Each structure stands twice: as structure tokens, then as C-alpha cells.
PDB file of N, CA and C in Angstrom:
ATOM      1  N   UNK A   1      35.612 -31.084 -43.119  1.00  0.00           N
ATOM      2  CA  UNK A   1      36.750 -31.749 -43.708  1.00  0.00           C
ATOM      3  C   UNK A   1      36.389 -32.143 -45.130  1.00  0.00           C
ATOM      4  N   UNK A   2      37.249 -31.783 -46.062  1.00  0.00           N
ATOM      5  CA  UNK A   2      37.027 -32.070 -47.480  1.00  0.00           C
ATOM      6  C   UNK A   2      37.579 -33.450 -47.798  1.00  0.00           C
ATOM      7  N   UNK A   3      36.691 -34.328 -48.312  1.00  0.00           N
ATOM      8  CA  UNK A   3      37.081 -35.697 -48.633  1.00  0.00           C
ATOM      9  C   UNK A   3      36.668 -36.033 -50.056  1.00  0.00           C
ATOM     10  N   UNK A   4      37.393 -36.986 -50.638  1.00  0.00           N
ATOM     11  CA  UNK A   4      36.982 -37.580 -51.905  1.00  0.00           C
ATOM     12  C   UNK A   4      36.909 -39.088 -51.703  1.00  0.00           C
ATOM     13  N   UNK A   5      36.791 -39.849 -52.769  1.00  0.00           N
ATOM     14  CA  UNK A   5      36.647 -41.299 -52.641  1.00  0.00           C
ATOM     15  C   UNK A   5      37.844 -41.949 -51.953  1.00  0.00           C
ATOM     16  N   UNK A   6      39.003 -41.302 -52.000  1.00  0.00           N
ATOM     17  CA  UNK A   6      40.215 -41.854 -51.393  1.00  0.00           C
ATOM     18  C   UNK A   6      40.410 -41.431 -49.945  1.00  0.00           C
ATOM     19  N   UNK A   7      39.581 -40.525 -49.447  1.00  0.00           N
ATOM     20  CA  UNK A   7      39.718 -40.027 -48.082  1.00  0.00           C
ATOM     21  C   UNK A   7      39.956 -38.528 -48.066  1.00  0.00           C
ATOM     22  N   UNK A   8      40.563 -38.011 -46.990  1.00  0.00           N
ATOM     23  CA  UNK A   8      40.816 -36.571 -46.895  1.00  0.00           C
ATOM     24  C   UNK A   8      41.690 -36.063 -48.047  1.00  0.00           C
ATOM     25  N   UNK A   9      41.336 -34.897 -48.563  1.00  0.00           N
ATOM     26  CA  UNK A   9      42.044 -34.309 -49.706  1.00  0.00           C
ATOM     27  C   UNK A   9      43.368 -33.697 -49.256  1.00  0.00           C
ATOM     28  N   UNK A  10      44.411 -33.950 -50.048  1.00  0.00           N
ATOM     29  CA  UNK A  10      45.721 -33.313 -49.908  1.00  0.00           C
ATOM     30  C   UNK A  10      46.090 -32.793 -51.284  1.00  0.00           C
ATOM     31  N   UNK A  11      45.774 -31.538 -51.560  1.00  0.00           N
ATOM     32  CA  UNK A  11      45.954 -30.983 -52.902  1.00  0.00           C
ATOM     33  C   UNK A  11      45.753 -29.477 -52.827  1.00  0.00           C
ATOM     34  N   UNK A  12      45.910 -28.815 -53.954  1.00  0.00           N
ATOM     35  CA  UNK A  12      45.518 -27.413 -54.093  1.00  0.00           C
ATOM     36  C   UNK A  12      44.197 -27.401 -54.853  1.00  0.00           C
ATOM     37  N   UNK A  13      43.209 -26.672 -54.324  1.00  0.00           N
ATOM     38  CA  UNK A  13      41.867 -26.666 -54.901  1.00  0.00           C
ATOM     39  C   UNK A  13      41.373 -25.241 -55.084  1.00  0.00           C
ATOM     40  N   UNK A  14      40.434 -25.086 -56.028  1.00  0.00           N
ATOM     41  CA  UNK A  14      39.736 -23.815 -56.237  1.00  0.00           C
ATOM     42  C   UNK A  14      38.384 -23.905 -55.535  1.00  0.00           C
ATOM     43  N   UNK A  15      37.975 -22.815 -54.882  1.00  0.00           N
ATOM     44  CA  UNK A  15      36.713 -22.785 -54.155  1.00  0.00           C
ATOM     45  C   UNK A  15      35.858 -21.605 -54.600  1.00  0.00           C
ATOM     46  N   UNK A  16      34.538 -21.787 -54.527  1.00  0.00           N
ATOM     47  CA  UNK A  16      33.553 -20.719 -54.687  1.00  0.00           C
ATOM     48  C   UNK A  16      32.671 -20.735 -53.448  1.00  0.00           C
ATOM     49  N   UNK A  17      32.496 -19.578 -52.818  1.00  0.00           N
ATOM     50  CA  UNK A  17      31.685 -19.460 -51.612  1.00  0.00           C
ATOM     51  C   UNK A  17      30.560 -18.468 -51.863  1.00  0.00           C
ATOM     52  N   UNK A  18      29.334 -18.843 -51.498  1.00  0.00           N
ATOM     53  CA  UNK A  18      28.203 -17.915 -51.592  1.00  0.00           C
ATOM     54  C   UNK A  18      27.386 -18.016 -50.307  1.00  0.00           C
ATOM     55  N   UNK A  19      26.834 -16.889 -49.896  1.00  0.00           N
ATOM     56  CA  UNK A  19      26.074 -16.786 -48.646  1.00  0.00           C
ATOM     57  C   UNK A  19      24.601 -16.599 -48.981  1.00  0.00           C
ATOM     58  N   UNK A  20      23.734 -17.323 -48.239  1.00  0.00           N
ATOM     59  CA  UNK A  20      22.299 -17.333 -48.531  1.00  0.00           C
ATOM     60  C   UNK A  20      21.486 -17.081 -47.273  1.00  0.00           C
ATOM     61  N   UNK A  21      20.298 -16.474 -47.456  1.00  0.00           N
ATOM     62  CA  UNK A  21      19.439 -16.197 -46.306  1.00  0.00           C
ATOM     63  C   UNK A  21      18.308 -17.202 -46.139  1.00  0.00           C
ATOM     64  N   UNK A  22      18.236 -18.197 -47.041  1.00  0.00           N
ATOM     65  CA  UNK A  22      17.207 -19.227 -46.933  1.00  0.00           C
ATOM     66  C   UNK A  22      17.777 -20.547 -47.409  1.00  0.00           C
ATOM     67  N   UNK A  23      17.542 -21.583 -46.657  1.00  0.00           N
ATOM     68  CA  UNK A  23      18.011 -22.907 -47.042  1.00  0.00           C
ATOM     69  C   UNK A  23      17.120 -23.510 -48.121  1.00  0.00           C
ATOM     70  N   UNK A  24      15.842 -23.128 -48.157  1.00  0.00           N
ATOM     71  CA  UNK A  24      14.907 -23.658 -49.143  1.00  0.00           C
ATOM     72  C   UNK A  24      15.268 -23.147 -50.529  1.00  0.00           C
ATOM     73  N   UNK A  25      15.756 -24.024 -51.371  1.00  0.00           N
ATOM     74  CA  UNK A  25      16.144 -23.699 -52.750  1.00  0.00           C
ATOM     75  C   UNK A  25      17.217 -22.621 -52.831  1.00  0.00           C
ATOM     76  N   UNK A  26      17.875 -22.343 -51.732  1.00  0.00           N
ATOM     77  CA  UNK A  26      18.918 -21.312 -51.674  1.00  0.00           C
ATOM     78  C   UNK A  26      18.487 -20.044 -52.409  1.00  0.00           C
ATOM     79  N   UNK A  27      17.426 -19.442 -51.919  1.00  0.00           N
ATOM     80  CA  UNK A  27      16.959 -18.172 -52.470  1.00  0.00           C
ATOM     81  C   UNK A  27      17.516 -17.050 -51.614  1.00  0.00           C
ATOM     82  N   UNK A  28      17.741 -15.901 -52.196  1.00  0.00           N
ATOM     83  CA  UNK A  28      18.189 -14.741 -51.452  1.00  0.00           C
ATOM     84  C   UNK A  28      19.682 -14.730 -51.180  1.00  0.00           C
ATOM     85  N   UNK A  29      20.472 -14.744 -52.257  1.00  0.00           N
ATOM     86  CA  UNK A  29      21.919 -14.672 -52.066  1.00  0.00           C
ATOM     87  C   UNK A  29      22.300 -13.318 -51.480  1.00  0.00           C
ATOM     88  N   UNK A  30      23.226 -13.341 -50.540  1.00  0.00           N
ATOM     89  CA  UNK A  30      23.713 -12.132 -49.879  1.00  0.00           C
ATOM     90  C   UNK A  30      25.112 -11.842 -50.393  1.00  0.00           C
ATOM     91  N   UNK A  31      25.303 -10.667 -50.952  1.00  0.00           N
ATOM     92  CA  UNK A  31      26.605 -10.323 -51.508  1.00  0.00           C
ATOM     93  C   UNK A  31      26.874 -11.100 -52.787  1.00  0.00           C
ATOM     94  N   UNK A  32      28.126 -11.139 -53.170  1.00  0.00           N
ATOM     95  CA  UNK A  32      28.519 -11.822 -54.395  1.00  0.00           C
ATOM     96  C   UNK A  32      29.269 -13.105 -54.066  1.00  0.00           C
ATOM     97  N   UNK A  33      29.282 -13.999 -55.025  1.00  0.00           N
ATOM     98  CA  UNK A  33      30.049 -15.232 -54.868  1.00  0.00           C
ATOM     99  C   UNK A  33      31.525 -14.888 -54.805  1.00  0.00           C
ATOM    100  N   UNK A  34      32.219 -15.482 -53.855  1.00  0.00           N
ATOM    101  CA  UNK A  34      33.641 -15.198 -53.663  1.00  0.00           C
ATOM    102  C   UNK A  34      34.469 -16.386 -54.127  1.00  0.00           C
ATOM    103  N   UNK A  35      35.347 -16.128 -55.099  1.00  0.00           N
ATOM    104  CA  UNK A  35      36.243 -17.155 -55.621  1.00  0.00           C
ATOM    105  C   UNK A  35      37.548 -17.127 -54.836  1.00  0.00           C
ATOM    106  N   UNK A  36      38.003 -18.296 -54.452  1.00  0.00           N
ATOM    107  CA  UNK A  36      39.281 -18.457 -53.752  1.00  0.00           C
ATOM    108  C   UNK A  36      40.071 -19.532 -54.502  1.00  0.00           C
ATOM    109  N   UNK A  37      40.936 -19.111 -55.424  1.00  0.00           N
ATOM    110  CA  UNK A  37      41.668 -20.086 -56.234  1.00  0.00           C
ATOM    111  C   UNK A  37      42.923 -20.609 -55.538  1.00  0.00           C
ATOM    112  N   UNK A  38      43.293 -21.818 -55.922  1.00  0.00           N
ATOM    113  CA  UNK A  38      44.576 -22.420 -55.562  1.00  0.00           C
ATOM    114  C   UNK A  38      44.830 -22.424 -54.051  1.00  0.00           C
ATOM    115  N   UNK A  39      43.873 -22.945 -53.298  1.00  0.00           N
ATOM    116  CA  UNK A  39      43.976 -23.014 -51.838  1.00  0.00           C
ATOM    117  C   UNK A  39      44.579 -24.369 -51.444  1.00  0.00           C
ATOM    118  N   UNK A  40      45.587 -24.339 -50.597  1.00  0.00           N
ATOM    119  CA  UNK A  40      46.198 -25.573 -50.104  1.00  0.00           C
ATOM    120  C   UNK A  40      45.232 -26.285 -49.160  1.00  0.00           C
ATOM    121  N   UNK A  41      45.031 -27.577 -49.405  1.00  0.00           N
ATOM    122  CA  UNK A  41      44.198 -28.415 -48.558  1.00  0.00           C
ATOM    123  C   UNK A  41      45.084 -29.539 -48.021  1.00  0.00           C
ATOM    124  N   UNK A  42      45.131 -29.663 -46.714  1.00  0.00           N
ATOM    125  CA  UNK A  42      45.979 -30.669 -46.073  1.00  0.00           C
ATOM    126  C   UNK A  42      45.137 -31.538 -45.147  1.00  0.00           C
ATOM    127  N   UNK A  43      45.114 -32.840 -45.413  1.00  0.00           N
ATOM    128  CA  UNK A  43      44.283 -33.774 -44.647  1.00  0.00           C
ATOM    129  C   UNK A  43      42.828 -33.326 -44.627  1.00  0.00           C
ATOM    130  N   UNK A  44      42.391 -32.674 -45.695  1.00  0.00           N
ATOM    131  CA  UNK A  44      41.009 -32.236 -45.825  1.00  0.00           C
ATOM    132  C   UNK A  44      40.708 -30.885 -45.216  1.00  0.00           C
ATOM    133  N   UNK A  45      41.704 -30.256 -44.590  1.00  0.00           N
ATOM    134  CA  UNK A  45      41.478 -28.973 -43.927  1.00  0.00           C
ATOM    135  C   UNK A  45      42.081 -27.828 -44.726  1.00  0.00           C
ATOM    136  N   UNK A  46      41.406 -26.689 -44.687  1.00  0.00           N
ATOM    137  CA  UNK A  46      41.866 -25.493 -45.385  1.00  0.00           C
ATOM    138  C   UNK A  46      41.340 -24.274 -44.647  1.00  0.00           C
ATOM    139  N   UNK A  47      41.958 -23.135 -44.924  1.00  0.00           N
ATOM    140  CA  UNK A  47      41.537 -21.872 -44.325  1.00  0.00           C
ATOM    141  C   UNK A  47      41.427 -20.823 -45.409  1.00  0.00           C
ATOM    142  N   UNK A  48      40.335 -20.068 -45.401  1.00  0.00           N
ATOM    143  CA  UNK A  48      40.164 -18.921 -46.292  1.00  0.00           C
ATOM    144  C   UNK A  48      39.525 -17.795 -45.487  1.00  0.00           C
ATOM    145  N   UNK A  49      39.734 -16.571 -45.946  1.00  0.00           N
ATOM    146  CA  UNK A  49      39.047 -15.421 -45.356  1.00  0.00           C
ATOM    147  C   UNK A  49      37.956 -14.979 -46.309  1.00  0.00           C
ATOM    148  N   UNK A  50      36.760 -14.788 -45.772  1.00  0.00           N
ATOM    149  CA  UNK A  50      35.610 -14.355 -46.557  1.00  0.00           C
ATOM    150  C   UNK A  50      35.090 -13.052 -45.989  1.00  0.00           C
ATOM    151  N   UNK A  51      34.574 -12.181 -46.865  1.00  0.00           N
ATOM    152  CA  UNK A  51      33.997 -10.918 -46.421  1.00  0.00           C
ATOM    153  C   UNK A  51      32.745 -10.637 -47.245  1.00  0.00           C
ATOM    154  N   UNK A  52      31.593 -10.885 -46.648  1.00  0.00           N
ATOM    155  CA  UNK A  52      30.328 -10.634 -47.320  1.00  0.00           C
ATOM    156  C   UNK A  52      29.754  -9.272 -46.950  1.00  0.00           C
ATOM    157  N   UNK A  53      30.506  -8.475 -46.224  1.00  0.00           N
ATOM    158  CA  UNK A  53      30.067  -7.135 -45.856  1.00  0.00           C
ATOM    159  C   UNK A  53      29.465  -7.087 -44.467  1.00  0.00           C
ATOM    160  N   UNK A  54      29.521  -5.918 -43.875  1.00  0.00           N
ATOM    161  CA  UNK A  54      29.050  -5.729 -42.491  1.00  0.00           C
ATOM    162  C   UNK A  54      27.556  -5.996 -42.340  1.00  0.00           C
ATOM    163  N   UNK A  55      26.780  -5.732 -43.365  1.00  0.00           N
ATOM    164  CA  UNK A  55      25.333  -5.899 -43.259  1.00  0.00           C
ATOM    165  C   UNK A  55      24.874  -7.344 -43.475  1.00  0.00           C
ATOM    166  N   UNK A  56      25.789  -8.251 -43.800  1.00  0.00           N
ATOM    167  CA  UNK A  56      25.417  -9.640 -44.084  1.00  0.00           C
ATOM    168  C   UNK A  56      24.948 -10.386 -42.839  1.00  0.00           C
ATOM    169  N   UNK A  57      25.417  -9.952 -41.673  1.00  0.00           N
ATOM    170  CA  UNK A  57      25.116 -10.690 -40.445  1.00  0.00           C
ATOM    171  C   UNK A  57      24.470  -9.769 -39.427  1.00  0.00           C
ATOM    172  N   UNK A  58      23.135  -9.871 -39.342  1.00  0.00           N
ATOM    173  CA  UNK A  58      22.396  -9.066 -38.384  1.00  0.00           C
ATOM    174  C   UNK A  58      21.620  -9.920 -37.403  1.00  0.00           C
ATOM    175  N   UNK A  59      22.005 -11.178 -37.267  1.00  0.00           N
ATOM    176  CA  UNK A  59      21.334 -12.069 -36.348  1.00  0.00           C
ATOM    177  C   UNK A  59      20.422 -13.078 -37.022  1.00  0.00           C
ATOM    178  N   UNK A  60      20.176 -12.914 -38.323  1.00  0.00           N
ATOM    179  CA  UNK A  60      19.312 -13.841 -39.046  1.00  0.00           C
ATOM    180  C   UNK A  60      20.096 -15.097 -39.422  1.00  0.00           C
ATOM    181  N   UNK A  61      19.362 -16.162 -39.724  1.00  0.00           N
ATOM    182  CA  UNK A  61      19.987 -17.416 -40.162  1.00  0.00           C
ATOM    183  C   UNK A  61      20.672 -17.210 -41.510  1.00  0.00           C
ATOM    184  N   UNK A  62      21.816 -17.844 -41.674  1.00  0.00           N
ATOM    185  CA  UNK A  62      22.591 -17.775 -42.917  1.00  0.00           C
ATOM    186  C   UNK A  62      23.150 -19.160 -43.231  1.00  0.00           C
ATOM    187  N   UNK A  63      23.343 -19.430 -44.540  1.00  0.00           N
ATOM    188  CA  UNK A  63      23.927 -20.680 -44.992  1.00  0.00           C
ATOM    189  C   UNK A  63      25.023 -20.382 -46.010  1.00  0.00           C
ATOM    190  N   UNK A  64      26.103 -21.142 -45.925  1.00  0.00           N
ATOM    191  CA  UNK A  64      27.236 -20.987 -46.812  1.00  0.00           C
ATOM    192  C   UNK A  64      27.260 -22.144 -47.797  1.00  0.00           C
ATOM    193  N   UNK A  65      27.157 -21.810 -49.082  1.00  0.00           N
ATOM    194  CA  UNK A  65      27.279 -22.820 -50.122  1.00  0.00           C
ATOM    195  C   UNK A  65      28.731 -22.825 -50.598  1.00  0.00           C
ATOM    196  N   UNK A  66      29.293 -24.015 -50.730  1.00  0.00           N
ATOM    197  CA  UNK A  66      30.690 -24.169 -51.123  1.00  0.00           C
ATOM    198  C   UNK A  66      30.755 -25.056 -52.359  1.00  0.00           C
ATOM    199  N   UNK A  67      31.472 -24.576 -53.373  1.00  0.00           N
ATOM    200  CA  UNK A  67      31.760 -25.388 -54.557  1.00  0.00           C
ATOM    201  C   UNK A  67      33.278 -25.498 -54.664  1.00  0.00           C
ATOM    202  N   UNK A  68      33.748 -26.651 -55.121  1.00  0.00           N
ATOM    203  CA  UNK A  68      35.187 -26.911 -55.144  1.00  0.00           C
ATOM    204  C   UNK A  68      35.575 -27.694 -56.395  1.00  0.00           C
ATOM    205  N   UNK A  69      36.815 -27.485 -56.846  1.00  0.00           N
ATOM    206  CA  UNK A  69      37.392 -28.346 -57.877  1.00  0.00           C
ATOM    207  C   UNK A  69      38.847 -28.610 -57.508  1.00  0.00           C
ATOM    208  N   UNK A  70      39.203 -29.880 -57.576  1.00  0.00           N
ATOM    209  CA  UNK A  70      40.555 -30.328 -57.239  1.00  0.00           C
ATOM    210  C   UNK A  70      41.027 -31.289 -58.324  1.00  0.00           C
ATOM    211  N   UNK A  71      42.252 -31.135 -58.772  1.00  0.00           N
ATOM    212  CA  UNK A  71      43.202 -30.094 -58.409  1.00  0.00           C
ATOM    213  C   UNK A  71      42.802 -28.745 -58.989  1.00  0.00           C
ATOM    214  N   UNK A  72      43.404 -27.696 -58.451  1.00  0.00           N
ATOM    215  CA  UNK A  72      43.101 -26.325 -58.885  1.00  0.00           C
ATOM    216  C   UNK A  72      43.266 -26.208 -60.403  1.00  0.00           C
ATOM    217  N   UNK A  73      42.310 -25.510 -61.025  1.00  0.00           N
ATOM    218  CA  UNK A  73      42.389 -25.232 -62.458  1.00  0.00           C
ATOM    219  C   UNK A  73      41.924 -26.352 -63.362  1.00  0.00           C
ATOM    220  N   UNK A  74      41.413 -27.431 -62.793  1.00  0.00           N
ATOM    221  CA  UNK A  74      41.010 -28.554 -63.642  1.00  0.00           C
ATOM    222  C   UNK A  74      39.536 -28.876 -63.470  1.00  0.00           C
ATOM    223  N   UNK A  75      38.872 -29.201 -64.558  1.00  0.00           N
ATOM    224  CA  UNK A  75      37.507 -29.695 -64.494  1.00  0.00           C
ATOM    225  C   UNK A  75      36.474 -28.693 -64.019  1.00  0.00           C
ATOM    226  N   UNK A  76      35.330 -29.234 -63.656  1.00  0.00           N
ATOM    227  CA  UNK A  76      34.185 -28.429 -63.222  1.00  0.00           C
ATOM    228  C   UNK A  76      34.126 -28.361 -61.702  1.00  0.00           C
ATOM    229  N   UNK A  77      33.462 -27.318 -61.217  1.00  0.00           N
ATOM    230  CA  UNK A  77      33.215 -27.200 -59.783  1.00  0.00           C
ATOM    231  C   UNK A  77      32.121 -28.184 -59.365  1.00  0.00           C
ATOM    232  N   UNK A  78      32.281 -28.749 -58.182  1.00  0.00           N
ATOM    233  CA  UNK A  78      31.278 -29.619 -57.578  1.00  0.00           C
ATOM    234  C   UNK A  78      30.756 -28.901 -56.339  1.00  0.00           C
ATOM    235  N   UNK A  79      29.433 -28.746 -56.256  1.00  0.00           N
ATOM    236  CA  UNK A  79      28.826 -28.086 -55.096  1.00  0.00           C
ATOM    237  C   UNK A  79      28.660 -29.098 -53.982  1.00  0.00           C
ATOM    238  N   UNK A  80      29.200 -28.757 -52.820  1.00  0.00           N
ATOM    239  CA  UNK A  80      29.109 -29.629 -51.657  1.00  0.00           C
ATOM    240  C   UNK A  80      27.722 -29.500 -51.028  1.00  0.00           C
ATOM    241  N   UNK A  81      27.204 -30.618 -50.546  1.00  0.00           N
ATOM    242  CA  UNK A  81      25.896 -30.612 -49.908  1.00  0.00           C
ATOM    243  C   UNK A  81      25.974 -31.288 -48.559  1.00  0.00           C
ATOM    244  N   UNK A  82      25.173 -30.856 -47.623  1.00  0.00           N
ATOM    245  CA  UNK A  82      24.285 -29.697 -47.697  1.00  0.00           C
ATOM    246  C   UNK A  82      25.057 -28.413 -47.478  1.00  0.00           C
ATOM    247  N   UNK A  83      24.422 -27.260 -47.732  1.00  0.00           N
ATOM    248  CA  UNK A  83      25.060 -25.990 -47.382  1.00  0.00           C
ATOM    249  C   UNK A  83      25.342 -25.942 -45.880  1.00  0.00           C
ATOM    250  N   UNK A  84      26.388 -25.256 -45.507  1.00  0.00           N
ATOM    251  CA  UNK A  84      26.796 -25.171 -44.103  1.00  0.00           C
ATOM    252  C   UNK A  84      26.060 -24.047 -43.392  1.00  0.00           C
ATOM    253  N   UNK A  85      25.426 -24.326 -42.245  1.00  0.00           N
ATOM    254  CA  UNK A  85      24.828 -23.236 -41.479  1.00  0.00           C
ATOM    255  C   UNK A  85      25.929 -22.365 -40.878  1.00  0.00           C
ATOM    256  N   UNK A  86      25.706 -21.061 -40.874  1.00  0.00           N
ATOM    257  CA  UNK A  86      26.654 -20.126 -40.273  1.00  0.00           C
ATOM    258  C   UNK A  86      26.096 -19.754 -38.912  1.00  0.00           C
ATOM    259  N   UNK A  87      26.869 -20.059 -37.873  1.00  0.00           N
ATOM    260  CA  UNK A  87      26.413 -19.776 -36.511  1.00  0.00           C
ATOM    261  C   UNK A  87      27.355 -18.833 -35.811  1.00  0.00           C
TER     262      UNK A  87
END
């Protein structure tokens, strides 16, 4: 759930998603960073489709790094921490 100082976000936001094979210093990016602009966020929830390719998931551990800026098109991206484990 995406939150800010006021609570769950209700806005349109821009997102950047990147997939990593190591949590330590996020080394070994898999595929390219995927930009998802102007995504509706309601009560902190949102849905996007990501495709890092068929070879991205072969049973090894993976982590998803997410950066966001709200409202869409304004300011700098903020990287959310920690990266999300992909299970």
C-alpha cells in the first residue's frame, strides 16, 4: 500500500520498476527499468503489468525496486524501501 504523510495515496502517480537478482547493493539488474506513467492510485492501491522477459524467473531469488512520484509529472522520483521480494 502506497502511503504518504497524510495516509494512503489517492492520486495519479508515475512509477519506475526494476528487477534485481541480489538484495545486497542491488547489483545485477535483470532487464530494463520499466516506466509506468500516470497510474491511478486509490486508497494506496494500484495495478500495473510488468514484463521482464521469460528468462527473468528461473527459480532464483528476485527483488523489485519501485520508485514513484506523485502527482504524476511533478518533482523527483522517490525510491521506496526496502525493495520488494518477488515470490
